[in-house]
Amino acid sequence: MAAGGSNPTQEPGKTAFKAEELEQLVAPIALYPDSLVAQALMASTYPLDIVHAARFAKENAKLKNHQLSEALKQHPRG
């Protein structure tokens, strides 16, 4: 399908983005390293896991190395 063309699966009254609009939307992403973009995309798939991880990190901020590893093993989501 060409950008901006008709898509039979689209809802009536909604139009697809034009190529220029898509480029403007995604161009800033190209400024970041691929590995960071990959992590951000994975994180966006599981937003609740990010919340749980942030809470765990905050609650266990003083733990380091072996102690942190052990706390992660005991964590229900770990």
C-alpha atoms as a PDB file:
ATOM      1  CA  MET A   1       0.000   0.000   0.000  1.00  0.00           C
ATOM      2  CA  ALA A   2       1.310   3.435  -0.851  1.00  0.00           C
ATOM      3  CA  ALA A   3       1.576   5.977   1.944  1.00  0.00           C
ATOM      4  CA  GLY A   4      -1.540   8.072   2.203  1.00  0.00           C
ATOM      5  CA  GLY A   5      -3.491   5.600   0.060  1.00  0.00           C
ATOM      6  CA  SER A   6      -6.748   3.919   0.855  1.00  0.00           C
ATOM      7  CA  ASN A   7      -6.656   0.975   3.230  1.00  0.00           C
ATOM      8  CA  PRO A   8      -9.759  -1.246   3.263  1.00  0.00           C
ATOM      9  CA  THR A   9      -9.102  -2.277   6.895  1.00  0.00           C
ATOM     10  CA  GLN A  10      -9.095   1.330   8.136  1.00  0.00           C
ATOM     11  CA  GLU A  11     -12.072   2.742   9.957  1.00  0.00           C
ATOM     12  CA  PRO A  12     -14.223   5.016   7.815  1.00  0.00           C
ATOM     13  CA  GLY A  13     -13.272   8.672   8.073  1.00  0.00           C
ATOM     14  CA  LYS A  14      -9.673   7.987   9.182  1.00  0.00           C
ATOM     15  CA  THR A  15      -6.774   8.587   6.826  1.00  0.00           C
ATOM     16  CA  ALA A  16      -3.309   7.074   6.837  1.00  0.00           C
ATOM     17  CA  PHE A  17      -0.272   9.226   7.511  1.00  0.00           C
ATOM     18  CA  LYS A  18       1.481  10.704   4.512  1.00  0.00           C
ATOM     19  CA  ALA A  19       5.103   9.693   3.960  1.00  0.00           C
ATOM     20  CA  GLU A  20       6.317  13.134   5.033  1.00  0.00           C
ATOM     21  CA  GLU A  21       4.288  12.954   8.249  1.00  0.00           C
ATOM     22  CA  LEU A  22       5.672   9.526   9.101  1.00  0.00           C
ATOM     23  CA  GLU A  23       9.215  10.686   8.436  1.00  0.00           C
ATOM     24  CA  GLN A  24       8.725  13.718  10.680  1.00  0.00           C
ATOM     25  CA  LEU A  25       7.279  11.492  13.394  1.00  0.00           C
ATOM     26  CA  VAL A  26      10.039   8.873  13.447  1.00  0.00           C
ATOM     27  CA  ALA A  27      13.086  10.936  12.401  1.00  0.00           C
ATOM     28  CA  PRO A  28      14.112  11.851  15.990  1.00  0.00           C
ATOM     29  CA  ILE A  29      14.359   8.145  16.833  1.00  0.00           C
ATOM     30  CA  ALA A  30      17.230   7.818  14.340  1.00  0.00           C
ATOM     31  CA  LEU A  31      19.349  10.010  16.632  1.00  0.00           C
ATOM     32  CA  TYR A  32      19.530   7.298  19.295  1.00  0.00           C
ATOM     33  CA  PRO A  33      21.631   4.115  19.264  1.00  0.00           C
ATOM     34  CA  ASP A  34      19.794   1.028  18.031  1.00  0.00           C
ATOM     35  CA  SER A  35      20.340  -0.787  21.325  1.00  0.00           C
ATOM     36  CA  LEU A  36      18.622   2.016  23.260  1.00  0.00           C
ATOM     37  CA  VAL A  37      15.698   2.109  20.827  1.00  0.00           C
ATOM     38  CA  ALA A  38      15.340  -1.674  21.155  1.00  0.00           C
ATOM     39  CA  GLN A  39      15.232  -1.437  24.948  1.00  0.00           C
ATOM     40  CA  ALA A  40      12.682   1.394  24.824  1.00  0.00           C
ATOM     41  CA  LEU A  41      10.457  -0.576  22.458  1.00  0.00           C
ATOM     42  CA  MET A  42      10.645  -3.681  24.654  1.00  0.00           C
ATOM     43  CA  ALA A  43       9.900  -1.597  27.743  1.00  0.00           C
ATOM     44  CA  SER A  44       6.872  -0.044  26.067  1.00  0.00           C
ATOM     45  CA  THR A  45       5.493  -3.542  25.527  1.00  0.00           C
ATOM     46  CA  TYR A  46       5.528  -4.309  29.261  1.00  0.00           C
ATOM     47  CA  PRO A  47       4.853  -0.996  31.073  1.00  0.00           C
ATOM     48  CA  LEU A  48       3.766  -2.634  34.345  1.00  0.00           C
ATOM     49  CA  ASP A  49       7.045  -4.508  34.530  1.00  0.00           C
ATOM     50  CA  ILE A  50       8.854  -1.171  34.308  1.00  0.00           C
ATOM     51  CA  VAL A  51       6.780   0.133  37.234  1.00  0.00           C
ATOM     52  CA  HIS A  52       7.565  -2.986  39.283  1.00  0.00           C
ATOM     53  CA  ALA A  53      11.272  -2.730  38.465  1.00  0.00           C
ATOM     54  CA  ALA A  54      11.355   0.956  39.435  1.00  0.00           C
ATOM     55  CA  ARG A  55       9.654   0.199  42.757  1.00  0.00           C
ATOM     56  CA  PHE A  56      12.050  -2.672  43.438  1.00  0.00           C
ATOM     57  CA  ALA A  57      15.049  -0.467  42.652  1.00  0.00           C
ATOM     58  CA  LYS A  58      13.763   2.277  44.946  1.00  0.00           C
ATOM     59  CA  GLU A  59      13.037  -0.156  47.809  1.00  0.00           C
ATOM     60  CA  ASN A  60      16.439  -1.822  47.460  1.00  0.00           C
ATOM     61  CA  ALA A  61      18.601   1.167  46.536  1.00  0.00           C
ATOM     62  CA  LYS A  62      21.222   0.370  49.192  1.00  0.00           C
ATOM     63  CA  LEU A  63      21.812  -3.220  48.063  1.00  0.00           C
ATOM     64  CA  LYS A  64      24.874  -3.997  45.963  1.00  0.00           C
ATOM     65  CA  ASN A  65      26.381  -7.012  44.212  1.00  0.00           C
ATOM     66  CA  HIS A  66      25.579 -10.311  45.982  1.00  0.00           C
ATOM     67  CA  GLN A  67      22.890  -8.811  48.232  1.00  0.00           C
ATOM     68  CA  LEU A  68      21.105  -7.368  45.220  1.00  0.00           C
ATOM     69  CA  SER A  69      21.322 -10.697  43.386  1.00  0.00           C
ATOM     70  CA  GLU A  70      19.799 -12.497  46.351  1.00  0.00           C
ATOM     71  CA  ALA A  71      16.986  -9.940  46.669  1.00  0.00           C
ATOM     72  CA  LEU A  72      16.201 -10.380  42.980  1.00  0.00           C
ATOM     73  CA  LYS A  73      16.035 -14.177  43.377  1.00  0.00           C
ATOM     74  CA  GLN A  74      13.515 -13.773  46.206  1.00  0.00           C
ATOM     75  CA  HIS A  75      11.411 -11.223  44.316  1.00  0.00           C
ATOM     76  CA  PRO A  76       8.154 -12.777  43.032  1.00  0.00           C
ATOM     77  CA  ARG A  77       8.634 -11.357  39.534  1.00  0.00           C
ATOM     78  CA  GLY A  78      12.341 -12.212  39.431  1.00  0.00           C
END
